[in-house]
Amino acid sequence: MTLGNHDNRDEFFRAFNDFPSITKFRDHRHNDVIELPQARLLLLDSLKNTPAAPGLLGGEQIDWLLKEADSDLKKPVVVVAHHNPRLGGDPTGASRRK
């Protein structure tokens, strides 16, 4: 499970306390790894604020993601998050068409 802009992290942890995060970051986020026979799924909590559309990955989370992606080079890695990744570009997330 991953969290998105309509979720509440405290309520999520209360409802799913049997599914703790695989990570223990200062900025607590729910991350997980699902090992499949042919691939590894890395689940990222991209929730920034509720209710707000923009998401955010934290620095500790990105470092963890890079290490996890490199930890088993025998299988492809699929990264799963609610929010679309955006590297650079317009910080407001607005699209511009000509």
PDB file of N, CA and C in Angstrom:
ATOM      1  N   MET A   1       0.840  -1.184   0.000  1.00  0.00           N
ATOM      2  CA  MET A   1       0.000   0.000   0.000  1.00  0.00           C
ATOM      3  C   MET A   1       0.880   1.240   0.000  1.00  0.00           C
ATOM      4  N   THR A   2       0.462   2.246  -0.712  1.00  0.00           N
ATOM      5  CA  THR A   2       1.159   3.525  -0.714  1.00  0.00           C
ATOM      6  C   THR A   2       0.175   4.620  -0.328  1.00  0.00           C
ATOM      7  N   LEU A   3       0.693   5.727   0.161  1.00  0.00           N
ATOM      8  CA  LEU A   3      -0.167   6.829   0.594  1.00  0.00           C
ATOM      9  C   LEU A   3      -0.143   7.950  -0.432  1.00  0.00           C
ATOM     10  N   GLY A   4      -1.307   8.586  -0.610  1.00  0.00           N
ATOM     11  CA  GLY A   4      -1.437   9.699  -1.546  1.00  0.00           C
ATOM     12  C   GLY A   4      -2.108  10.884  -0.893  1.00  0.00           C
ATOM     13  N   ASN A   5      -2.442  11.875  -1.701  1.00  0.00           N
ATOM     14  CA  ASN A   5      -2.891  13.167  -1.178  1.00  0.00           C
ATOM     15  C   ASN A   5      -4.242  13.136  -0.464  1.00  0.00           C
ATOM     16  N   HIS A   6      -5.008  12.081  -0.538  1.00  0.00           N
ATOM     17  CA  HIS A   6      -6.279  12.009   0.194  1.00  0.00           C
ATOM     18  C   HIS A   6      -6.169  11.152   1.449  1.00  0.00           C
ATOM     19  N   ASP A   7      -4.976  10.667   1.743  1.00  0.00           N
ATOM     20  CA  ASP A   7      -4.767   9.804   2.902  1.00  0.00           C
ATOM     21  C   ASP A   7      -4.275  10.605   4.096  1.00  0.00           C
ATOM     22  N   ASN A   8      -4.452  10.029   5.253  1.00  0.00           N
ATOM     23  CA  ASN A   8      -3.954  10.607   6.500  1.00  0.00           C
ATOM     24  C   ASN A   8      -3.012   9.577   7.105  1.00  0.00           C
ATOM     25  N   ARG A   9      -1.748   9.952   7.246  1.00  0.00           N
ATOM     26  CA  ARG A   9      -0.732   8.989   7.672  1.00  0.00           C
ATOM     27  C   ARG A   9      -1.051   8.396   9.042  1.00  0.00           C
ATOM     28  N   ASP A  10      -1.467   9.222  10.020  1.00  0.00           N
ATOM     29  CA  ASP A  10      -1.777   8.703  11.358  1.00  0.00           C
ATOM     30  C   ASP A  10      -2.921   7.693  11.302  1.00  0.00           C
ATOM     31  N   GLU A  11      -3.949   7.993  10.518  1.00  0.00           N
ATOM     32  CA  GLU A  11      -5.074   7.057  10.382  1.00  0.00           C
ATOM     33  C   GLU A  11      -4.638   5.780   9.673  1.00  0.00           C
ATOM     34  N   PHE A  12      -3.761   5.913   8.685  1.00  0.00           N
ATOM     35  CA  PHE A  12      -3.243   4.743   7.981  1.00  0.00           C
ATOM     36  C   PHE A  12      -2.509   3.826   8.950  1.00  0.00           C
ATOM     37  N   PHE A  13      -1.611   4.395   9.777  1.00  0.00           N
ATOM     38  CA  PHE A  13      -0.857   3.582  10.734  1.00  0.00           C
ATOM     39  C   PHE A  13      -1.777   2.935  11.758  1.00  0.00           C
ATOM     40  N   ARG A  14      -2.828   3.641  12.149  1.00  0.00           N
ATOM     41  CA  ARG A  14      -3.775   3.088  13.115  1.00  0.00           C
ATOM     42  C   ARG A  14      -4.567   1.922  12.495  1.00  0.00           C
ATOM     43  N   ALA A  15      -4.997   2.095  11.262  1.00  0.00           N
ATOM     44  CA  ALA A  15      -5.805   1.072  10.598  1.00  0.00           C
ATOM     45  C   ALA A  15      -4.981  -0.148  10.172  1.00  0.00           C
ATOM     46  N   PHE A  16      -3.729   0.077   9.812  1.00  0.00           N
ATOM     47  CA  PHE A  16      -2.903  -1.007   9.276  1.00  0.00           C
ATOM     48  C   PHE A  16      -1.663  -1.220  10.140  1.00  0.00           C
ATOM     49  N   ASN A  17      -1.849  -1.295  11.439  1.00  0.00           N
ATOM     50  CA  ASN A  17      -0.696  -1.442  12.334  1.00  0.00           C
ATOM     51  C   ASN A  17      -0.014  -2.804  12.194  1.00  0.00           C
ATOM     52  N   ASP A  18      -0.642  -3.746  11.519  1.00  0.00           N
ATOM     53  CA  ASP A  18      -0.010  -5.048  11.260  1.00  0.00           C
ATOM     54  C   ASP A  18       0.954  -4.992  10.073  1.00  0.00           C
ATOM     55  N   PHE A  19       0.991  -3.844   9.384  1.00  0.00           N
ATOM     56  CA  PHE A  19       1.848  -3.675   8.213  1.00  0.00           C
ATOM     57  C   PHE A  19       2.792  -2.494   8.432  1.00  0.00           C
ATOM     58  N   PRO A  20       3.789  -2.647   9.299  1.00  0.00           N
ATOM     59  CA  PRO A  20       4.687  -1.529   9.567  1.00  0.00           C
ATOM     60  C   PRO A  20       5.568  -1.201   8.366  1.00  0.00           C
ATOM     61  N   SER A  21       6.055   0.018   8.341  1.00  0.00           N
ATOM     62  CA  SER A  21       6.986   0.435   7.293  1.00  0.00           C
ATOM     63  C   SER A  21       8.283  -0.345   7.422  1.00  0.00           C
ATOM     64  N   ILE A  22       8.885  -0.658   6.290  1.00  0.00           N
ATOM     65  CA  ILE A  22      10.179  -1.336   6.295  1.00  0.00           C
ATOM     66  C   ILE A  22      11.287  -0.367   6.714  1.00  0.00           C
ATOM     67  N   THR A  23      11.008   0.941   6.639  1.00  0.00           N
ATOM     68  CA  THR A  23      11.986   1.969   6.994  1.00  0.00           C
ATOM     69  C   THR A  23      11.558   2.669   8.276  1.00  0.00           C
ATOM     70  N   LYS A  24      12.523   3.220   8.965  1.00  0.00           N
ATOM     71  CA  LYS A  24      12.269   3.969  10.208  1.00  0.00           C
ATOM     72  C   LYS A  24      12.931   5.339  10.091  1.00  0.00           C
ATOM     73  N   PHE A  25      12.363   6.214   9.272  1.00  0.00           N
ATOM     74  CA  PHE A  25      12.945   7.523   9.026  1.00  0.00           C
ATOM     75  C   PHE A  25      12.459   8.552  10.038  1.00  0.00           C
ATOM     76  N   ARG A  26      13.239   9.618  10.205  1.00  0.00           N
ATOM     77  CA  ARG A  26      12.810  10.738  11.068  1.00  0.00           C
ATOM     78  C   ARG A  26      11.484  11.303  10.557  1.00  0.00           C
ATOM     79  N   ASP A  27      11.417  11.561   9.258  1.00  0.00           N
ATOM     80  CA  ASP A  27      10.170  12.004   8.630  1.00  0.00           C
ATOM     81  C   ASP A  27       9.426  10.714   8.283  1.00  0.00           C
ATOM     82  N   HIS A  28       8.637  10.197   9.234  1.00  0.00           N
ATOM     83  CA  HIS A  28       8.093   8.844   9.114  1.00  0.00           C
ATOM     84  C   HIS A  28       7.206   8.698   7.887  1.00  0.00           C
ATOM     85  N   ARG A  29       7.590   7.781   7.069  1.00  0.00           N
ATOM     86  CA  ARG A  29       6.844   7.457   5.856  1.00  0.00           C
ATOM     87  C   ARG A  29       6.697   5.941   5.785  1.00  0.00           C
ATOM     88  N   HIS A  30       5.664   5.497   5.095  1.00  0.00           N
ATOM     89  CA  HIS A  30       5.423   4.065   4.968  1.00  0.00           C
ATOM     90  C   HIS A  30       5.987   3.582   3.637  1.00  0.00           C
ATOM     91  N   ASN A  31       7.079   2.867   3.701  1.00  0.00           N
ATOM     92  CA  ASN A  31       7.725   2.307   2.526  1.00  0.00           C
ATOM     93  C   ASN A  31       7.777   0.792   2.680  1.00  0.00           C
ATOM     94  N   ASP A  32       7.828   0.105   1.551  1.00  0.00           N
ATOM     95  CA  ASP A  32       7.859  -1.350   1.636  1.00  0.00           C
ATOM     96  C   ASP A  32       8.509  -1.926   0.387  1.00  0.00           C
ATOM     97  N   VAL A  33       8.861  -3.188   0.476  1.00  0.00           N
ATOM     98  CA  VAL A  33       9.413  -3.944  -0.648  1.00  0.00           C
ATOM     99  C   VAL A  33       8.576  -5.201  -0.798  1.00  0.00           C
ATOM    100  N   ILE A  34       8.175  -5.480  -2.017  1.00  0.00           N
ATOM    101  CA  ILE A  34       7.479  -6.731  -2.326  1.00  0.00           C
ATOM    102  C   ILE A  34       8.375  -7.504  -3.283  1.00  0.00           C
ATOM    103  N   GLU A  35       8.788  -8.677  -2.837  1.00  0.00           N
ATOM    104  CA  GLU A  35       9.637  -9.543  -3.657  1.00  0.00           C
ATOM    105  C   GLU A  35       8.751 -10.475  -4.467  1.00  0.00           C
ATOM    106  N   LEU A  36       8.828 -10.354  -5.766  1.00  0.00           N
ATOM    107  CA  LEU A  36       8.123 -11.248  -6.682  1.00  0.00           C
ATOM    108  C   LEU A  36       9.158 -12.134  -7.378  1.00  0.00           C
ATOM    109  N   PRO A  37       8.740 -13.237  -7.950  1.00  0.00           N
ATOM    110  CA  PRO A  37       9.722 -14.127  -8.597  1.00  0.00           C
ATOM    111  C   PRO A  37      10.548 -13.421  -9.688  1.00  0.00           C
ATOM    112  N   GLN A  38       9.929 -12.515 -10.423  1.00  0.00           N
ATOM    113  CA  GLN A  38      10.619 -11.897 -11.560  1.00  0.00           C
ATOM    114  C   GLN A  38      10.956 -10.415 -11.374  1.00  0.00           C
ATOM    115  N   ALA A  39      10.555  -9.803 -10.260  1.00  0.00           N
ATOM    116  CA  ALA A  39      10.795  -8.367 -10.065  1.00  0.00           C
ATOM    117  C   ALA A  39      10.689  -8.014  -8.584  1.00  0.00           C
ATOM    118  N   ARG A  40      11.181  -6.841  -8.255  1.00  0.00           N
ATOM    119  CA  ARG A  40      11.046  -6.296  -6.900  1.00  0.00           C
ATOM    120  C   ARG A  40      10.229  -5.014  -6.996  1.00  0.00           C
ATOM    121  N   LEU A  41       9.185  -4.901  -6.188  1.00  0.00           N
ATOM    122  CA  LEU A  41       8.378  -3.684  -6.133  1.00  0.00           C
ATOM    123  C   LEU A  41       8.827  -2.862  -4.936  1.00  0.00           C
ATOM    124  N   LEU A  42       9.188  -1.608  -5.169  1.00  0.00           N
ATOM    125  CA  LEU A  42       9.544  -0.690  -4.095  1.00  0.00           C
ATOM    126  C   LEU A  42       8.394   0.298  -3.947  1.00  0.00           C
ATOM    127  N   LEU A  43       7.699   0.207  -2.822  1.00  0.00           N
ATOM    128  CA  LEU A  43       6.524   1.044  -2.565  1.00  0.00           C
ATOM    129  C   LEU A  43       6.944   2.259  -1.761  1.00  0.00           C
ATOM    130  N   LEU A  44       6.624   3.453  -2.277  1.00  0.00           N
ATOM    131  CA  LEU A  44       7.040   4.698  -1.649  1.00  0.00           C
ATOM    132  C   LEU A  44       5.835   5.516  -1.184  1.00  0.00           C
ATOM    133  N   ASP A  45       5.928   6.037   0.008  1.00  0.00           N
ATOM    134  CA  ASP A  45       4.933   6.950   0.559  1.00  0.00           C
ATOM    135  C   ASP A  45       5.293   8.352   0.064  1.00  0.00           C
ATOM    136  N   SER A  46       4.488   8.890  -0.847  1.00  0.00           N
ATOM    137  CA  SER A  46       4.765  10.214  -1.411  1.00  0.00           C
ATOM    138  C   SER A  46       3.847  11.293  -0.834  1.00  0.00           C
ATOM    139  N   LEU A  47       3.134  10.972   0.241  1.00  0.00           N
ATOM    140  CA  LEU A  47       2.229  11.935   0.862  1.00  0.00           C
ATOM    141  C   LEU A  47       3.011  13.096   1.456  1.00  0.00           C
ATOM    142  N   LYS A  48       2.630  14.321   1.086  1.00  0.00           N
ATOM    143  CA  LYS A  48       3.242  15.522   1.665  1.00  0.00           C
ATOM    144  C   LYS A  48       2.285  16.141   2.667  1.00  0.00           C
ATOM    145  N   ASN A  49       1.111  16.533   2.219  1.00  0.00           N
ATOM    146  CA  ASN A  49       0.078  17.128   3.076  1.00  0.00           C
ATOM    147  C   ASN A  49      -1.283  16.579   2.669  1.00  0.00           C
ATOM    148  N   THR A  50      -2.193  16.541   3.607  1.00  0.00           N
ATOM    149  CA  THR A  50      -3.563  16.118   3.327  1.00  0.00           C
ATOM    150  C   THR A  50      -4.490  17.301   3.564  1.00  0.00           C
ATOM    151  N   PRO A  51      -5.418  17.605   2.731  1.00  0.00           N
ATOM    152  CA  PRO A  51      -5.523  17.199   1.333  1.00  0.00           C
ATOM    153  C   PRO A  51      -4.786  18.211   0.456  1.00  0.00           C
ATOM    154  N   ALA A  52      -3.829  17.790  -0.255  1.00  0.00           N
ATOM    155  CA  ALA A  52      -3.090  18.637  -1.194  1.00  0.00           C
ATOM    156  C   ALA A  52      -2.539  17.746  -2.300  1.00  0.00           C
ATOM    157  N   ALA A  53      -2.556  18.257  -3.505  1.00  0.00           N
ATOM    158  CA  ALA A  53      -2.164  17.439  -4.650  1.00  0.00           C
ATOM    159  C   ALA A  53      -0.670  17.156  -4.751  1.00  0.00           C
ATOM    160  N   PRO A  54       0.226  18.125  -4.502  1.00  0.00           N
ATOM    161  CA  PRO A  54       1.645  17.795  -4.701  1.00  0.00           C
ATOM    162  C   PRO A  54       2.158  16.794  -3.678  1.00  0.00           C
ATOM    163  N   GLY A  55       2.971  15.884  -4.133  1.00  0.00           N
ATOM    164  CA  GLY A  55       3.597  14.921  -3.245  1.00  0.00           C
ATOM    165  C   GLY A  55       5.059  15.264  -3.034  1.00  0.00           C
ATOM    166  N   LEU A  56       5.732  14.460  -2.226  1.00  0.00           N
ATOM    167  CA  LEU A  56       7.133  14.713  -1.930  1.00  0.00           C
ATOM    168  C   LEU A  56       7.796  13.432  -1.463  1.00  0.00           C
ATOM    169  N   LEU A  57       8.992  13.180  -1.962  1.00  0.00           N
ATOM    170  CA  LEU A  57       9.835  12.116  -1.425  1.00  0.00           C
ATOM    171  C   LEU A  57      10.904  12.781  -0.585  1.00  0.00           C
ATOM    172  N   GLY A  58      11.147  12.257   0.602  1.00  0.00           N
ATOM    173  CA  GLY A  58      12.150  12.827   1.492  1.00  0.00           C
ATOM    174  C   GLY A  58      13.551  12.370   1.132  1.00  0.00           C
ATOM    175  N   GLY A  59      14.555  13.095   1.620  1.00  0.00           N
ATOM    176  CA  GLY A  59      15.950  12.771   1.330  1.00  0.00           C
ATOM    177  C   GLY A  59      16.347  11.386   1.794  1.00  0.00           C
ATOM    178  N   GLU A  60      15.962  11.024   3.032  1.00  0.00           N
ATOM    179  CA  GLU A  60      16.267   9.673   3.533  1.00  0.00           C
ATOM    180  C   GLU A  60      15.598   8.622   2.667  1.00  0.00           C
ATOM    181  N   GLN A  61      14.407   8.937   2.215  1.00  0.00           N
ATOM    182  CA  GLN A  61      13.634   8.011   1.394  1.00  0.00           C
ATOM    183  C   GLN A  61      14.303   7.794   0.033  1.00  0.00           C
ATOM    184  N   ILE A  62      14.787   8.867  -0.565  1.00  0.00           N
ATOM    185  CA  ILE A  62      15.468   8.754  -1.859  1.00  0.00           C
ATOM    186  C   ILE A  62      16.761   7.958  -1.706  1.00  0.00           C
ATOM    187  N   ASP A  63      17.517   8.224  -0.644  1.00  0.00           N
ATOM    188  CA  ASP A  63      18.739   7.440  -0.397  1.00  0.00           C
ATOM    189  C   ASP A  63      18.416   5.961  -0.239  1.00  0.00           C
ATOM    190  N   TRP A  64      17.361   5.662   0.527  1.00  0.00           N
ATOM    191  CA  TRP A  64      16.933   4.272   0.715  1.00  0.00           C
ATOM    192  C   TRP A  64      16.540   3.647  -0.620  1.00  0.00           C
ATOM    193  N   LEU A  65      15.770   4.383  -1.427  1.00  0.00           N
ATOM    194  CA  LEU A  65      15.324   3.889  -2.733  1.00  0.00           C
ATOM    195  C   LEU A  65      16.516   3.513  -3.612  1.00  0.00           C
ATOM    196  N   LEU A  66      17.518   4.375  -3.672  1.00  0.00           N
ATOM    197  CA  LEU A  66      18.688   4.100  -4.511  1.00  0.00           C
ATOM    198  C   LEU A  66      19.448   2.872  -4.022  1.00  0.00           C
ATOM    199  N   LYS A  67      19.603   2.734  -2.721  1.00  0.00           N
ATOM    200  CA  LYS A  67      20.301   1.557  -2.168  1.00  0.00           C
ATOM    201  C   LYS A  67      19.510   0.280  -2.421  1.00  0.00           C
ATOM    202  N   GLU A  68      18.195   0.344  -2.213  1.00  0.00           N
ATOM    203  CA  GLU A  68      17.345  -0.836  -2.458  1.00  0.00           C
ATOM    204  C   GLU A  68      17.361  -1.233  -3.922  1.00  0.00           C
ATOM    205  N   ALA A  69      17.323  -0.254  -4.808  1.00  0.00           N
ATOM    206  CA  ALA A  69      17.317  -0.556  -6.246  1.00  0.00           C
ATOM    207  C   ALA A  69      18.598  -1.259  -6.665  1.00  0.00           C
ATOM    208  N   ASP A  70      19.707  -0.931  -6.008  1.00  0.00           N
ATOM    209  CA  ASP A  70      20.995  -1.538  -6.346  1.00  0.00           C
ATOM    210  C   ASP A  70      21.301  -2.813  -5.558  1.00  0.00           C
ATOM    211  N   SER A  71      20.456  -3.165  -4.597  1.00  0.00           N
ATOM    212  CA  SER A  71      20.789  -4.279  -3.708  1.00  0.00           C
ATOM    213  C   SER A  71      20.630  -5.658  -4.343  1.00  0.00           C
ATOM    214  N   ASP A  72      19.845  -5.775  -5.390  1.00  0.00           N
ATOM    215  CA  ASP A  72      19.673  -7.053  -6.075  1.00  0.00           C
ATOM    216  C   ASP A  72      19.577  -6.770  -7.560  1.00  0.00           C
ATOM    217  N   LEU A  73      20.690  -6.907  -8.244  1.00  0.00           N
ATOM    218  CA  LEU A  73      20.735  -6.560  -9.666  1.00  0.00           C
ATOM    219  C   LEU A  73      20.259  -7.688 -10.571  1.00  0.00           C
ATOM    220  N   LYS A  74      19.789  -8.791  -9.974  1.00  0.00           N
ATOM    221  CA  LYS A  74      19.310  -9.922 -10.769  1.00  0.00           C
ATOM    222  C   LYS A  74      17.876  -9.726 -11.260  1.00  0.00           C
ATOM    223  N   LYS A  75      17.137  -8.836 -10.602  1.00  0.00           N
ATOM    224  CA  LYS A  75      15.731  -8.623 -10.962  1.00  0.00           C
ATOM    225  C   LYS A  75      15.496  -7.150 -11.290  1.00  0.00           C
ATOM    226  N   PRO A  76      14.575  -6.877 -12.200  1.00  0.00           N
ATOM    227  CA  PRO A  76      14.198  -5.488 -12.422  1.00  0.00           C
ATOM    228  C   PRO A  76      13.450  -4.935 -11.207  1.00  0.00           C
ATOM    229  N   VAL A  77      13.522  -3.629 -11.047  1.00  0.00           N
ATOM    230  CA  VAL A  77      12.861  -2.938  -9.944  1.00  0.00           C
ATOM    231  C   VAL A  77      11.732  -2.093 -10.516  1.00  0.00           C
ATOM    232  N   VAL A  78      10.567  -2.186  -9.885  1.00  0.00           N
ATOM    233  CA  VAL A  78       9.422  -1.354 -10.238  1.00  0.00           C
ATOM    234  C   VAL A  78       9.159  -0.437  -9.051  1.00  0.00           C
ATOM    235  N   VAL A  79       9.198   0.875  -9.292  1.00  0.00           N
ATOM    236  CA  VAL A  79       8.964   1.855  -8.237  1.00  0.00           C
ATOM    237  C   VAL A  79       7.497   2.259  -8.292  1.00  0.00           C
ATOM    238  N   VAL A  80       6.814   2.159  -7.134  1.00  0.00           N
ATOM    239  CA  VAL A  80       5.389   2.457  -7.053  1.00  0.00           C
ATOM    240  C   VAL A  80       5.179   3.588  -6.057  1.00  0.00           C
ATOM    241  N   ALA A  81       4.508   4.645  -6.497  1.00  0.00           N
ATOM    242  CA  ALA A  81       4.151   5.771  -5.624  1.00  0.00           C
ATOM    243  C   ALA A  81       2.862   6.387  -6.153  1.00  0.00           C
ATOM    244  N   HIS A  82       2.136   7.055  -5.296  1.00  0.00           N
ATOM    245  CA  HIS A  82       0.881   7.670  -5.711  1.00  0.00           C
ATOM    246  C   HIS A  82       1.115   8.857  -6.650  1.00  0.00           C
ATOM    247  N   HIS A  83       2.095   9.694  -6.323  1.00  0.00           N
ATOM    248  CA  HIS A  83       2.345  10.908  -7.097  1.00  0.00           C
ATOM    249  C   HIS A  83       3.339  10.644  -8.222  1.00  0.00           C
ATOM    250  N   ASN A  84       3.165  11.358  -9.324  1.00  0.00           N
ATOM    251  CA  ASN A  84       4.080  11.241 -10.456  1.00  0.00           C
ATOM    252  C   ASN A  84       5.431  11.848 -10.088  1.00  0.00           C
ATOM    253  N   PRO A  85       6.515  11.168 -10.429  1.00  0.00           N
ATOM    254  CA  PRO A  85       7.828  11.766 -10.169  1.00  0.00           C
ATOM    255  C   PRO A  85       8.071  12.932 -11.123  1.00  0.00           C
ATOM    256  N   ARG A  86       8.678  13.975 -10.611  1.00  0.00           N
ATOM    257  CA  ARG A  86       8.997  15.140 -11.443  1.00  0.00           C
ATOM    258  C   ARG A  86      10.384  15.602 -11.038  1.00  0.00           C
ATOM    259  N   LEU A  87      11.302  15.560 -11.962  1.00  0.00           N
ATOM    260  CA  LEU A  87      12.659  16.008 -11.703  1.00  0.00           C
ATOM    261  C   LEU A  87      12.871  17.324 -12.444  1.00  0.00           C
ATOM    262  N   GLY A  88      13.077  18.397 -11.700  1.00  0.00           N
ATOM    263  CA  GLY A  88      13.288  19.702 -12.322  1.00  0.00           C
ATOM    264  C   GLY A  88      11.999  20.248 -12.892  1.00  0.00           C
ATOM    265  N   GLY A  89      12.108  21.191 -13.791  1.00  0.00           N
ATOM    266  CA  GLY A  89      10.926  21.752 -14.416  1.00  0.00           C
ATOM    267  C   GLY A  89      10.245  22.786 -13.559  1.00  0.00           C
ATOM    268  N   ASP A  90       9.021  23.070 -13.854  1.00  0.00           N
ATOM    269  CA  ASP A  90       8.234  24.087 -13.170  1.00  0.00           C
ATOM    270  C   ASP A  90       7.920  23.623 -11.747  1.00  0.00           C
ATOM    271  N   PRO A  91       8.386  24.368 -10.705  1.00  0.00           N
ATOM    272  CA  PRO A  91       8.153  23.932  -9.323  1.00  0.00           C
ATOM    273  C   PRO A  91       6.683  23.934  -8.920  1.00  0.00           C
ATOM    274  N   THR A  92       5.817  24.618  -9.678  1.00  0.00           N
ATOM    275  CA  THR A  92       4.391  24.615  -9.356  1.00  0.00           C
ATOM    276  C   THR A  92       3.702  23.378  -9.922  1.00  0.00           C
ATOM    277  N   GLY A  93       4.380  22.668 -10.795  1.00  0.00           N
ATOM    278  CA  GLY A  93       3.791  21.486 -11.414  1.00  0.00           C
ATOM    279  C   GLY A  93       2.856  21.818 -12.560  1.00  0.00           C
ATOM    280  N   ALA A  94       2.758  23.107 -12.907  1.00  0.00           N
ATOM    281  CA  ALA A  94       1.857  23.520 -13.996  1.00  0.00           C
ATOM    282  C   ALA A  94       2.440  23.101 -15.343  1.00  0.00           C
ATOM    283  N   SER A  95       1.581  22.626 -16.201  1.00  0.00           N
ATOM    284  CA  SER A  95       2.058  22.290 -17.543  1.00  0.00           C
ATOM    285  C   SER A  95       1.939  23.523 -18.424  1.00  0.00           C
ATOM    286  N   ARG A  96       2.834  23.629 -19.358  1.00  0.00           N
ATOM    287  CA  ARG A  96       2.819  24.780 -20.281  1.00  0.00           C
ATOM    288  C   ARG A  96       2.747  24.248 -21.693  1.00  0.00           C
ATOM    289  N   ARG A  97       1.783  24.736 -22.427  1.00  0.00           N
ATOM    290  CA  ARG A  97       1.646  24.324 -23.827  1.00  0.00           C
ATOM    291  C   ARG A  97       1.832  25.539 -24.699  1.00  0.00           C
ATOM    292  N   LYS A  98       2.427  25.307 -25.846  1.00  0.00           N
ATOM    293  CA  LYS A  98       2.645  26.390 -26.815  1.00  0.00           C
ATOM    294  C   LYS A  98       1.565  26.378 -27.851  1.00  0.00           C
TER     295      LYS A  98
END
